[in-house]
Amino acid sequence: LDLSKTLKKGGESIKNTLTKIFEDKNKSGGVRGLLVRDIFLDDAYKPAIARQNYLNLLNNMQVDLIFGSRGTPTTQA
């Protein structure tokens, strides 16, 4: 998400909404008994950073689910 530049306000709104959803899910027992942990990375709406964030999530952070970037340039990257 862009958490620092042009689309910061929208990125923060998405982050806050997802955080609340995950908190509520965890309070009700999580997903199949596992708690959900959220990780939000700032891509500053720059495709190269978005791509690096995806690679970092996949290769280093052992995530099970990724919600996509916001916007065509970062999604295409």
PDB file of N, CA and C in Angstrom:
ATOM      1  N   LEU A   1       0.830  -1.189   0.000  1.00  0.00           N
ATOM      2  CA  LEU A   1       0.000   0.000   0.000  1.00  0.00           C
ATOM      3  C   LEU A   1       0.870   1.247   0.000  1.00  0.00           C
ATOM      4  N   ASP A   2       0.345   2.296  -0.579  1.00  0.00           N
ATOM      5  CA  ASP A   2       1.002   3.584  -0.446  1.00  0.00           C
ATOM      6  C   ASP A   2       0.626   4.123   0.929  1.00  0.00           C
ATOM      7  N   LEU A   3       1.598   4.166   1.808  1.00  0.00           N
ATOM      8  CA  LEU A   3       1.368   4.674   3.152  1.00  0.00           C
ATOM      9  C   LEU A   3       2.135   5.968   3.420  1.00  0.00           C
ATOM     10  N   SER A   4       2.740   6.535   2.339  1.00  0.00           N
ATOM     11  CA  SER A   4       3.567   7.712   2.577  1.00  0.00           C
ATOM     12  C   SER A   4       3.508   8.783   1.484  1.00  0.00           C
ATOM     13  N   LYS A   5       2.920   8.498   0.348  1.00  0.00           N
ATOM     14  CA  LYS A   5       2.993   9.459  -0.756  1.00  0.00           C
ATOM     15  C   LYS A   5       1.603   9.838  -1.269  1.00  0.00           C
ATOM     16  N   THR A   6       1.422   9.796  -2.575  1.00  0.00           N
ATOM     17  CA  THR A   6       0.234  10.287  -3.268  1.00  0.00           C
ATOM     18  C   THR A   6      -1.075   9.698  -2.757  1.00  0.00           C
ATOM     19  N   LEU A   7      -1.113   8.389  -2.566  1.00  0.00           N
ATOM     20  CA  LEU A   7      -2.352   7.712  -2.166  1.00  0.00           C
ATOM     21  C   LEU A   7      -2.356   7.329  -0.691  1.00  0.00           C
ATOM     22  N   LYS A   8      -1.605   8.065   0.110  1.00  0.00           N
ATOM     23  CA  LYS A   8      -1.451   7.767   1.531  1.00  0.00           C
ATOM     24  C   LYS A   8      -2.788   7.662   2.266  1.00  0.00           C
ATOM     25  N   LYS A   9      -3.670   8.608   2.025  1.00  0.00           N
ATOM     26  CA  LYS A   9      -4.946   8.621   2.747  1.00  0.00           C
ATOM     27  C   LYS A   9      -5.749   7.346   2.460  1.00  0.00           C
ATOM     28  N   GLY A  10      -5.803   6.952   1.194  1.00  0.00           N
ATOM     29  CA  GLY A  10      -6.510   5.723   0.839  1.00  0.00           C
ATOM     30  C   GLY A  10      -5.816   4.491   1.395  1.00  0.00           C
ATOM     31  N   GLY A  11      -4.483   4.482   1.359  1.00  0.00           N
ATOM     32  CA  GLY A  11      -3.727   3.360   1.905  1.00  0.00           C
ATOM     33  C   GLY A  11      -3.957   3.202   3.392  1.00  0.00           C
ATOM     34  N   GLU A  12      -3.966   4.301   4.106  1.00  0.00           N
ATOM     35  CA  GLU A  12      -4.216   4.245   5.547  1.00  0.00           C
ATOM     36  C   GLU A  12      -5.627   3.753   5.843  1.00  0.00           C
ATOM     37  N   SER A  13      -6.591   4.162   5.022  1.00  0.00           N
ATOM     38  CA  SER A  13      -7.969   3.706   5.207  1.00  0.00           C
ATOM     39  C   SER A  13      -8.074   2.199   5.010  1.00  0.00           C
ATOM     40  N   ILE A  14      -7.448   1.687   3.967  1.00  0.00           N
ATOM     41  CA  ILE A  14      -7.446   0.242   3.716  1.00  0.00           C
ATOM     42  C   ILE A  14      -6.769  -0.486   4.869  1.00  0.00           C
ATOM     43  N   LYS A  15      -5.631   0.016   5.294  1.00  0.00           N
ATOM     44  CA  LYS A  15      -4.891  -0.606   6.399  1.00  0.00           C
ATOM     45  C   LYS A  15      -5.731  -0.651   7.667  1.00  0.00           C
ATOM     46  N   ASN A  16      -6.360   0.462   8.010  1.00  0.00           N
ATOM     47  CA  ASN A  16      -7.177   0.514   9.228  1.00  0.00           C
ATOM     48  C   ASN A  16      -8.364  -0.440   9.148  1.00  0.00           C
ATOM     49  N   THR A  17      -9.003  -0.508   7.996  1.00  0.00           N
ATOM     50  CA  THR A  17     -10.147  -1.396   7.819  1.00  0.00           C
ATOM     51  C   THR A  17      -9.733  -2.856   7.945  1.00  0.00           C
ATOM     52  N   LEU A  18      -8.657  -3.232   7.262  1.00  0.00           N
ATOM     53  CA  LEU A  18      -8.198  -4.620   7.335  1.00  0.00           C
ATOM     54  C   LEU A  18      -7.736  -4.985   8.744  1.00  0.00           C
ATOM     55  N   THR A  19      -7.062  -4.062   9.411  1.00  0.00           N
ATOM     56  CA  THR A  19      -6.616  -4.321  10.781  1.00  0.00           C
ATOM     57  C   THR A  19      -7.811  -4.618  11.677  1.00  0.00           C
ATOM     58  N   LYS A  20      -8.872  -3.845  11.537  1.00  0.00           N
ATOM     59  CA  LYS A  20     -10.087  -4.069  12.340  1.00  0.00           C
ATOM     60  C   LYS A  20     -10.711  -5.423  12.015  1.00  0.00           C
ATOM     61  N   ILE A  21     -10.778  -5.763  10.745  1.00  0.00           N
ATOM     62  CA  ILE A  21     -11.344  -7.062  10.350  1.00  0.00           C
ATOM     63  C   ILE A  21     -10.528  -8.197  10.955  1.00  0.00           C
ATOM     64  N   PHE A  22      -9.195  -8.098  10.869  1.00  0.00           N
ATOM     65  CA  PHE A  22      -8.340  -9.155  11.408  1.00  0.00           C
ATOM     66  C   PHE A  22      -8.452  -9.234  12.925  1.00  0.00           C
ATOM     67  N   GLU A  23      -8.518  -8.103  13.591  1.00  0.00           N
ATOM     68  CA  GLU A  23      -8.686  -8.098  15.048  1.00  0.00           C
ATOM     69  C   GLU A  23      -9.986  -8.792  15.441  1.00  0.00           C
ATOM     70  N   ASP A  24     -11.070  -8.476  14.736  1.00  0.00           N
ATOM     71  CA  ASP A  24     -12.360  -9.109  15.021  1.00  0.00           C
ATOM     72  C   ASP A  24     -12.297 -10.610  14.767  1.00  0.00           C
ATOM     73  N   LYS A  25     -11.648 -11.004  13.686  1.00  0.00           N
ATOM     74  CA  LYS A  25     -11.515 -12.426  13.364  1.00  0.00           C
ATOM     75  C   LYS A  25     -10.728 -13.144  14.450  1.00  0.00           C
ATOM     76  N   ASN A  26      -9.651 -12.541  14.906  1.00  0.00           N
ATOM     77  CA  ASN A  26      -8.843 -13.155  15.959  1.00  0.00           C
ATOM     78  C   ASN A  26      -9.609 -13.276  17.273  1.00  0.00           C
ATOM     79  N   LYS A  27     -10.435 -12.274  17.590  1.00  0.00           N
ATOM     80  CA  LYS A  27     -11.239 -12.329  18.816  1.00  0.00           C
ATOM     81  C   LYS A  27     -12.231 -13.475  18.784  1.00  0.00           C
ATOM     82  N   SER A  28     -12.644 -13.868  17.573  1.00  0.00           N
ATOM     83  CA  SER A  28     -13.602 -14.972  17.458  1.00  0.00           C
ATOM     84  C   SER A  28     -12.909 -16.313  17.193  1.00  0.00           C
ATOM     85  N   GLY A  29     -11.596 -16.358  17.417  1.00  0.00           N
ATOM     86  CA  GLY A  29     -10.892 -17.630  17.303  1.00  0.00           C
ATOM     87  C   GLY A  29      -9.982 -17.769  16.105  1.00  0.00           C
ATOM     88  N   GLY A  30      -9.905 -16.758  15.291  1.00  0.00           N
ATOM     89  CA  GLY A  30      -9.011 -16.807  14.145  1.00  0.00           C
ATOM     90  C   GLY A  30      -9.576 -17.604  12.984  1.00  0.00           C
ATOM     91  N   VAL A  31      -8.690 -18.115  12.157  1.00  0.00           N
ATOM     92  CA  VAL A  31      -9.067 -18.920  11.001  1.00  0.00           C
ATOM     93  C   VAL A  31      -8.616 -20.345  11.274  1.00  0.00           C
ATOM     94  N   ARG A  32      -9.586 -21.221  11.427  1.00  0.00           N
ATOM     95  CA  ARG A  32      -9.295 -22.625  11.770  1.00  0.00           C
ATOM     96  C   ARG A  32      -8.396 -22.718  13.002  1.00  0.00           C
ATOM     97  N   GLY A  33      -8.653 -21.818  13.948  1.00  0.00           N
ATOM     98  CA  GLY A  33      -7.921 -21.826  15.203  1.00  0.00           C
ATOM     99  C   GLY A  33      -6.588 -21.092  15.177  1.00  0.00           C
ATOM    100  N   LEU A  34      -6.195 -20.566  14.038  1.00  0.00           N
ATOM    101  CA  LEU A  34      -4.937 -19.832  13.929  1.00  0.00           C
ATOM    102  C   LEU A  34      -5.212 -18.337  13.885  1.00  0.00           C
ATOM    103  N   LEU A  35      -4.430 -17.578  14.629  1.00  0.00           N
ATOM    104  CA  LEU A  35      -4.594 -16.131  14.627  1.00  0.00           C
ATOM    105  C   LEU A  35      -4.019 -15.534  13.348  1.00  0.00           C
ATOM    106  N   VAL A  36      -4.656 -14.473  12.892  1.00  0.00           N
ATOM    107  CA  VAL A  36      -4.231 -13.778  11.686  1.00  0.00           C
ATOM    108  C   VAL A  36      -3.296 -12.647  12.085  1.00  0.00           C
ATOM    109  N   ARG A  37      -2.151 -12.573  11.431  1.00  0.00           N
ATOM    110  CA  ARG A  37      -1.214 -11.481  11.671  1.00  0.00           C
ATOM    111  C   ARG A  37      -1.123 -10.663  10.398  1.00  0.00           C
ATOM    112  N   ASP A  38      -1.277  -9.371  10.531  1.00  0.00           N
ATOM    113  CA  ASP A  38      -1.207  -8.522   9.339  1.00  0.00           C
ATOM    114  C   ASP A  38       0.160  -7.863   9.235  1.00  0.00           C
ATOM    115  N   ILE A  39       0.593  -7.726   7.989  1.00  0.00           N
ATOM    116  CA  ILE A  39       1.845  -7.047   7.670  1.00  0.00           C
ATOM    117  C   ILE A  39       1.528  -6.066   6.553  1.00  0.00           C
ATOM    118  N   PHE A  40       1.795  -4.812   6.769  1.00  0.00           N
ATOM    119  CA  PHE A  40       1.565  -3.801   5.743  1.00  0.00           C
ATOM    120  C   PHE A  40       2.909  -3.183   5.374  1.00  0.00           C
ATOM    121  N   LEU A  41       3.208  -3.183   4.089  1.00  0.00           N
ATOM    122  CA  LEU A  41       4.458  -2.604   3.606  1.00  0.00           C
ATOM    123  C   LEU A  41       4.145  -1.405   2.719  1.00  0.00           C
ATOM    124  N   ASP A  42       4.893  -0.346   2.901  1.00  0.00           N
ATOM    125  CA  ASP A  42       4.702   0.884   2.133  1.00  0.00           C
ATOM    126  C   ASP A  42       5.421   0.755   0.792  1.00  0.00           C
ATOM    127  N   ASP A  43       4.672   0.934  -0.306  1.00  0.00           N
ATOM    128  CA  ASP A  43       5.305   0.925  -1.630  1.00  0.00           C
ATOM    129  C   ASP A  43       5.392   2.330  -2.229  1.00  0.00           C
ATOM    130  N   ALA A  44       4.895   3.335  -1.506  1.00  0.00           N
ATOM    131  CA  ALA A  44       4.916   4.727  -1.970  1.00  0.00           C
ATOM    132  C   ALA A  44       4.325   4.863  -3.374  1.00  0.00           C
ATOM    133  N   TYR A  45       3.502   3.911  -3.756  1.00  0.00           N
ATOM    134  CA  TYR A  45       2.887   3.826  -5.083  1.00  0.00           C
ATOM    135  C   TYR A  45       3.939   3.814  -6.190  1.00  0.00           C
ATOM    136  N   LYS A  46       5.029   3.105  -5.922  1.00  0.00           N
ATOM    137  CA  LYS A  46       6.110   2.962  -6.901  1.00  0.00           C
ATOM    138  C   LYS A  46       6.228   1.485  -7.269  1.00  0.00           C
ATOM    139  N   PRO A  47       6.090   1.158  -8.549  1.00  0.00           N
ATOM    140  CA  PRO A  47       6.098  -0.238  -8.981  1.00  0.00           C
ATOM    141  C   PRO A  47       7.322  -1.031  -8.518  1.00  0.00           C
ATOM    142  N   ALA A  48       8.501  -0.454  -8.582  1.00  0.00           N
ATOM    143  CA  ALA A  48       9.707  -1.193  -8.186  1.00  0.00           C
ATOM    144  C   ALA A  48       9.674  -1.565  -6.707  1.00  0.00           C
ATOM    145  N   ILE A  49       9.185  -0.655  -5.879  1.00  0.00           N
ATOM    146  CA  ILE A  49       9.087  -0.942  -4.446  1.00  0.00           C
ATOM    147  C   ILE A  49       8.006  -1.985  -4.198  1.00  0.00           C
ATOM    148  N   ALA A  50       6.877  -1.863  -4.895  1.00  0.00           N
ATOM    149  CA  ALA A  50       5.802  -2.846  -4.742  1.00  0.00           C
ATOM    150  C   ALA A  50       6.307  -4.244  -5.087  1.00  0.00           C
ATOM    151  N   ARG A  51       7.041  -4.366  -6.197  1.00  0.00           N
ATOM    152  CA  ARG A  51       7.581  -5.663  -6.599  1.00  0.00           C
ATOM    153  C   ARG A  51       8.535  -6.207  -5.530  1.00  0.00           C
ATOM    154  N   GLN A  52       9.406  -5.369  -5.019  1.00  0.00           N
ATOM    155  CA  GLN A  52      10.341  -5.813  -3.983  1.00  0.00           C
ATOM    156  C   GLN A  52       9.595  -6.241  -2.720  1.00  0.00           C
ATOM    157  N   ASN A  53       8.531  -5.519  -2.373  1.00  0.00           N
ATOM    158  CA  ASN A  53       7.732  -5.901  -1.208  1.00  0.00           C
ATOM    159  C   ASN A  53       7.117  -7.281  -1.392  1.00  0.00           C
ATOM    160  N   TYR A  54       6.577  -7.543  -2.597  1.00  0.00           N
ATOM    161  CA  TYR A  54       6.001  -8.862  -2.871  1.00  0.00           C
ATOM    162  C   TYR A  54       7.053  -9.952  -2.733  1.00  0.00           C
ATOM    163  N   LEU A  55       8.216  -9.721  -3.316  1.00  0.00           N
ATOM    164  CA  LEU A  55       9.283 -10.722  -3.245  1.00  0.00           C
ATOM    165  C   LEU A  55       9.713 -10.947  -1.804  1.00  0.00           C
ATOM    166  N   ASN A  56       9.789  -9.891  -1.034  1.00  0.00           N
ATOM    167  CA  ASN A  56      10.145 -10.002   0.378  1.00  0.00           C
ATOM    168  C   ASN A  56       9.101 -10.816   1.143  1.00  0.00           C
ATOM    169  N   LEU A  57       7.830 -10.537   0.900  1.00  0.00           N
ATOM    170  CA  LEU A  57       6.759 -11.292   1.563  1.00  0.00           C
ATOM    171  C   LEU A  57       6.824 -12.773   1.202  1.00  0.00           C
ATOM    172  N   LEU A  58       7.009 -13.055  -0.069  1.00  0.00           N
ATOM    173  CA  LEU A  58       7.023 -14.442  -0.528  1.00  0.00           C
ATOM    174  C   LEU A  58       8.277 -15.202  -0.107  1.00  0.00           C
ATOM    175  N   ASN A  59       9.425 -14.551  -0.186  1.00  0.00           N
ATOM    176  CA  ASN A  59      10.685 -15.257   0.029  1.00  0.00           C
ATOM    177  C   ASN A  59      11.225 -15.195   1.448  1.00  0.00           C
ATOM    178  N   ASN A  60      10.856 -14.173   2.200  1.00  0.00           N
ATOM    179  CA  ASN A  60      11.465 -13.986   3.516  1.00  0.00           C
ATOM    180  C   ASN A  60      10.495 -14.003   4.692  1.00  0.00           C
ATOM    181  N   MET A  61       9.227 -13.721   4.432  1.00  0.00           N
ATOM    182  CA  MET A  61       8.292 -13.569   5.546  1.00  0.00           C
ATOM    183  C   MET A  61       7.319 -14.734   5.684  1.00  0.00           C
ATOM    184  N   GLN A  62       7.396 -15.702   4.809  1.00  0.00           N
ATOM    185  CA  GLN A  62       6.575 -16.913   4.897  1.00  0.00           C
ATOM    186  C   GLN A  62       5.088 -16.611   5.075  1.00  0.00           C
ATOM    187  N   VAL A  63       4.567 -15.732   4.247  1.00  0.00           N
ATOM    188  CA  VAL A  63       3.148 -15.389   4.341  1.00  0.00           C
ATOM    189  C   VAL A  63       2.294 -16.424   3.607  1.00  0.00           C
ATOM    190  N   ASP A  64       1.054 -16.537   4.021  1.00  0.00           N
ATOM    191  CA  ASP A  64       0.109 -17.467   3.406  1.00  0.00           C
ATOM    192  C   ASP A  64      -0.864 -16.778   2.463  1.00  0.00           C
ATOM    193  N   LEU A  65      -1.008 -15.475   2.588  1.00  0.00           N
ATOM    194  CA  LEU A  65      -1.984 -14.741   1.788  1.00  0.00           C
ATOM    195  C   LEU A  65      -1.487 -13.318   1.569  1.00  0.00           C
ATOM    196  N   ILE A  66      -1.610 -12.863   0.340  1.00  0.00           N
ATOM    197  CA  ILE A  66      -1.246 -11.487   0.023  1.00  0.00           C
ATOM    198  C   ILE A  66      -2.447 -10.813  -0.629  1.00  0.00           C
ATOM    199  N   PHE A  67      -2.851  -9.674  -0.061  1.00  0.00           N
ATOM    200  CA  PHE A  67      -3.838  -8.834  -0.721  1.00  0.00           C
ATOM    201  C   PHE A  67      -3.067  -7.950  -1.689  1.00  0.00           C
ATOM    202  N   GLY A  68      -3.564  -7.788  -2.887  1.00  0.00           N
ATOM    203  CA  GLY A  68      -2.841  -7.097  -3.943  1.00  0.00           C
ATOM    204  C   GLY A  68      -2.631  -5.619  -3.710  1.00  0.00           C
ATOM    205  N   SER A  69      -1.721  -5.102  -4.506  1.00  0.00           N
ATOM    206  CA  SER A  69      -1.432  -3.674  -4.483  1.00  0.00           C
ATOM    207  C   SER A  69      -2.641  -2.894  -4.968  1.00  0.00           C
ATOM    208  N   ARG A  70      -2.631  -1.634  -4.652  1.00  0.00           N
ATOM    209  CA  ARG A  70      -3.705  -0.748  -5.089  1.00  0.00           C
ATOM    210  C   ARG A  70      -3.222   0.037  -6.295  1.00  0.00           C
ATOM    211  N   GLY A  71      -3.850  -0.156  -7.423  1.00  0.00           N
ATOM    212  CA  GLY A  71      -3.510   0.580  -8.625  1.00  0.00           C
ATOM    213  C   GLY A  71      -2.833  -0.283  -9.669  1.00  0.00           C
ATOM    214  N   THR A  72      -3.011   0.088 -10.914  1.00  0.00           N
ATOM    215  CA  THR A  72      -2.490  -0.683 -12.031  1.00  0.00           C
ATOM    216  C   THR A  72      -0.965  -0.749 -12.061  1.00  0.00           C
ATOM    217  N   PRO A  73      -0.222   0.342 -11.914  1.00  0.00           N
ATOM    218  CA  PRO A  73       1.227   0.261 -12.020  1.00  0.00           C
ATOM    219  C   PRO A  73       1.859  -0.694 -10.998  1.00  0.00           C
ATOM    220  N   THR A  74       1.417  -0.615  -9.759  1.00  0.00           N
ATOM    221  CA  THR A  74       2.008  -1.465  -8.735  1.00  0.00           C
ATOM    222  C   THR A  74       1.551  -2.912  -8.882  1.00  0.00           C
ATOM    223  N   THR A  75       0.328  -3.115  -9.333  1.00  0.00           N
ATOM    224  CA  THR A  75      -0.155  -4.480  -9.567  1.00  0.00           C
ATOM    225  C   THR A  75       0.580  -5.123 -10.718  1.00  0.00           C
ATOM    226  N   GLN A  76       0.810  -4.395 -11.781  1.00  0.00           N
ATOM    227  CA  GLN A  76       1.532  -4.949 -12.926  1.00  0.00           C
ATOM    228  C   GLN A  76       2.968  -5.301 -12.575  1.00  0.00           C
ATOM    229  N   ALA A  77       3.575  -4.520 -11.697  1.00  0.00           N
ATOM    230  CA  ALA A  77       4.971  -4.798 -11.301  1.00  0.00           C
ATOM    231  C   ALA A  77       5.061  -6.135 -10.608  1.00  0.00           C
TER     232      ALA A  77
END
